[in-house]
N, C-alpha and C. Protein backbone atom coordinates (compact mmCIF):
# COMPACT_ATOMS: atom_id res chain seq x y z
N MET A 1 0.85 -1.18 -0.22
CA MET A 1 0.02 0.12 -0.04
C MET A 1 0.82 1.12 0.08
N GLN A 2 0.84 2.04 -0.69
CA GLN A 2 1.22 3.40 -1.13
C GLN A 2 1.65 4.36 0.41
N CYS A 3 0.59 4.42 0.92
CA CYS A 3 0.43 5.40 2.04
C CYS A 3 1.78 4.91 3.31
N VAL A 4 1.39 3.55 3.27
CA VAL A 4 2.45 2.67 4.35
C VAL A 4 3.86 2.95 3.72
N ALA A 5 4.07 2.99 2.30
CA ALA A 5 5.53 2.58 1.98
C ALA A 5 6.33 4.12 1.99
N GLU A 6 5.24 5.14 1.99
CA GLU A 6 5.49 6.53 2.12
C GLU A 6 5.34 7.04 3.37
N ARG A 7 4.62 6.34 4.34
CA ARG A 7 4.56 6.69 5.53
C ARG A 7 3.83 8.27 5.70
N THR A 8 2.79 7.97 4.60
CA THR A 8 1.95 9.58 4.77
C THR A 8 0.44 8.93 5.54
N HIS A 9 -0.02 9.60 5.86
CA HIS A 9 -1.63 9.52 6.46
C HIS A 9 -1.62 8.11 7.33
N LEU A 10 -0.70 7.76 7.98
CA LEU A 10 -0.90 6.51 8.57
C LEU A 10 -1.74 6.39 9.75
N ALA A 11 -1.78 7.47 10.58
CA ALA A 11 -2.78 7.76 11.63
C ALA A 11 -4.37 7.34 11.07
N PHE A 12 -4.39 8.41 10.17
CA PHE A 12 -5.89 7.85 9.49
C PHE A 12 -6.21 6.77 8.95
N LEU A 13 -5.20 6.12 8.26
CA LEU A 13 -5.09 4.95 7.50
C LEU A 13 -5.59 3.84 9.10
N ALA A 14 -4.93 4.13 10.10
CA ALA A 14 -5.06 3.13 11.18
C ALA A 14 -6.37 2.92 11.62
N GLU A 15 -7.60 4.20 11.44
CA GLU A 15 -8.75 4.27 11.80
C GLU A 15 -9.46 3.33 10.62
N ASN A 16 -9.31 2.95 9.72
CA ASN A 16 -10.11 2.73 8.51
C ASN A 16 -10.54 1.06 8.84
N PRO A 17 -11.61 0.83 9.11
CA PRO A 17 -12.41 -0.15 9.42
C PRO A 17 -12.28 -1.50 8.67
N SER A 18 -12.02 -1.11 7.22
CA SER A 18 -11.85 -2.33 6.34
C SER A 18 -10.12 -2.49 5.87
N LEU A 19 -9.53 -2.12 6.97
CA LEU A 19 -8.09 -2.25 6.86
C LEU A 19 -7.38 -3.56 7.18
N PRO A 20 -6.90 -4.31 6.05
CA PRO A 20 -6.28 -6.02 6.13
C PRO A 20 -5.76 -5.98 7.82
N ALA A 21 -5.92 -7.19 8.20
CA ALA A 21 -5.40 -7.66 9.37
C ALA A 21 -3.84 -7.31 9.57
N ASP A 22 -3.38 -7.52 8.26
CA ASP A 22 -1.78 -7.64 8.27
C ASP A 22 -1.23 -6.04 8.18
N LEU A 23 -1.97 -5.06 7.70
CA LEU A 23 -1.49 -4.22 7.65
C LEU A 23 -1.98 -3.49 9.29
N VAL A 24 -2.78 -3.81 9.84
CA VAL A 24 -3.50 -3.22 11.26
C VAL A 24 -1.97 -3.96 12.20
N GLU A 25 -1.37 -4.83 11.66
CA GLU A 25 -0.22 -5.64 12.92
C GLU A 25 0.71 -4.55 12.47
N ARG A 26 0.96 -4.59 11.19
CA ARG A 26 2.38 -3.63 10.70
C ARG A 26 2.31 -2.04 11.11
N LEU A 27 0.71 -1.49 11.46
CA LEU A 27 0.64 0.04 12.08
C LEU A 27 0.49 -0.21 13.41
N ALA A 28 0.68 -1.33 14.06
CA ALA A 28 0.39 -1.67 15.46
C ALA A 28 2.07 -1.59 16.24
N ALA A 29 2.92 -1.62 15.12
CA ALA A 29 4.32 -1.95 15.43
C ALA A 29 5.01 -0.70 15.17
N ASP A 30 4.35 0.40 14.42
CA ASP A 30 4.91 1.64 14.05
C ASP A 30 5.62 2.56 14.97
N PRO A 31 6.84 3.08 14.76
CA PRO A 31 7.44 3.71 15.94
C PRO A 31 6.78 5.23 16.32
N ASP A 32 5.86 5.47 15.55
CA ASP A 32 5.05 6.76 16.04
C ASP A 32 4.08 6.26 16.27
N GLU A 33 3.77 7.02 17.95
CA GLU A 33 2.55 6.88 18.74
C GLU A 33 1.33 7.44 18.24
N ALA A 34 1.58 8.48 17.49
CA ALA A 34 0.21 8.60 16.72
C ALA A 34 -0.28 7.91 15.88
N VAL A 35 0.41 7.25 15.41
CA VAL A 35 -0.14 5.85 14.54
C VAL A 35 -0.60 4.96 15.53
N ARG A 36 -0.04 4.26 16.40
CA ARG A 36 -0.37 3.10 17.21
C ARG A 36 -1.84 3.24 17.99
N LEU A 37 -1.69 4.81 18.64
CA LEU A 37 -3.09 4.99 19.36
C LEU A 37 -3.99 4.37 18.67
N PRO A 38 -4.49 5.07 17.43
CA PRO A 38 -5.58 4.67 16.82
C PRO A 38 -5.90 3.05 16.45
N VAL A 39 -4.61 2.72 16.15
CA VAL A 39 -4.50 1.04 16.45
C VAL A 39 -5.18 0.13 17.34
N SER A 40 -4.90 0.95 18.42
CA SER A 40 -5.27 0.18 19.95
C SER A 40 -6.34 0.29 20.36
N LEU A 41 -7.05 1.47 19.50
CA LEU A 41 -8.64 1.59 19.77
C LEU A 41 -9.69 0.96 18.76
N ARG A 42 -8.99 -0.11 17.82
CA ARG A 42 -9.74 -0.71 16.91
C ARG A 42 -10.35 -2.00 17.57
N PRO A 43 -11.27 -2.64 17.43
CA PRO A 43 -12.09 -3.63 17.99
C PRO A 43 -11.29 -4.82 17.79
N GLU A 44 -10.47 -5.06 16.69
CA GLU A 44 -10.12 -6.29 16.88
C GLU A 44 -8.97 -6.88 17.85
N PRO A 45 -8.10 -6.33 18.02
CA PRO A 45 -7.10 -6.60 19.32
C PRO A 45 -7.61 -6.92 20.73
N ASP A 46 -6.95 -8.08 21.06
CA ASP A 46 -7.77 -8.24 22.64
C ASP A 46 -6.77 -7.50 23.34
N GLU A 47 -7.21 -7.61 25.02
CA GLU A 47 -6.68 -6.78 25.52
C GLU A 47 -5.23 -7.12 25.89
N ARG A 48 -4.54 -8.09 25.73
CA ARG A 48 -3.36 -8.36 25.77
C ARG A 48 -2.45 -7.54 24.71
N ARG A 49 -2.84 -7.60 23.50
CA ARG A 49 -2.42 -6.83 22.32
C ARG A 49 -2.34 -5.39 22.40
N ARG A 50 -3.79 -4.66 23.36
CA ARG A 50 -3.83 -3.34 23.34
C ARG A 50 -2.62 -3.02 24.64
N THR A 51 -2.43 -3.78 25.79
CA THR A 51 -1.39 -3.34 26.62
C THR A 51 -0.06 -3.40 26.29
N ALA A 52 -0.07 -4.11 24.72
CA ALA A 52 1.45 -4.30 24.45
C ALA A 52 2.01 -3.19 23.75
N ASN A 53 1.36 -2.11 23.36
CA ASN A 53 1.35 -1.06 22.74
C ASN A 53 2.04 -0.36 23.67
N ASP A 54 3.19 0.90 23.53
CA ASP A 54 3.68 1.56 24.26
C ASP A 54 3.30 2.89 24.03
N LEU A 55 2.43 3.00 24.67
CA LEU A 55 1.77 4.44 24.56
C LEU A 55 1.90 5.49 25.81
N THR A 56 1.90 6.54 25.81
CA THR A 56 2.36 7.87 26.74
C THR A 56 0.84 8.19 26.74
N ALA A 57 0.39 8.60 28.18
CA ALA A 57 -0.80 9.40 28.41
C ALA A 57 0.16 10.85 28.99
N ASP A 58 -0.60 12.01 28.20
CA ASP A 58 0.56 12.97 28.45
C ASP A 58 -0.07 14.27 29.79
N GLY A 59 -1.32 13.76 30.19
CA GLY A 59 -2.03 14.22 31.22
C GLY A 59 -3.23 14.24 31.23
N PRO A 60 -4.49 15.02 32.05
CA PRO A 60 -5.44 14.59 32.52
C PRO A 60 -6.47 15.01 31.05
N ASP A 61 -5.87 15.92 30.27
CA ASP A 61 -6.68 16.39 29.04
C ASP A 61 -6.48 15.50 27.73
N THR A 62 -5.91 14.29 27.85
CA THR A 62 -5.40 13.46 27.30
C THR A 62 -6.73 12.52 26.70
N GLY A 63 -7.54 12.57 25.49
CA GLY A 63 -8.85 11.65 25.51
C GLY A 63 -9.82 11.88 26.21
N ASN A 64 -10.45 10.96 26.05
CA ASN A 64 -11.92 11.40 26.92
C ASN A 64 -11.79 10.54 28.22
N SER A 65 -10.91 10.75 29.01
CA SER A 65 -10.86 10.03 30.24
C SER A 65 -11.96 11.02 31.24
N VAL A 66 -12.29 10.30 32.46
CA VAL A 66 -13.04 10.83 33.25
C VAL A 66 -11.92 11.67 34.12
N ARG A 67 -12.32 12.91 34.52
CA ARG A 67 -11.40 13.55 35.32
C ARG A 67 -11.97 13.55 36.72
């Protein structure tokens, strides 16, 4: 896929519900946290896979967390 090869629009690509499983796996291992985050929010990964993602919460204003 050209977007993956050129590393363009990867975060948006990760949100695509019709993305093939092999590309989801590649994006889950991407060095850019902005790409790994939407992958971790997809319905496919189990909890073990989600927690394997190295993501950093910047503080209480990150995401839709309860304060």
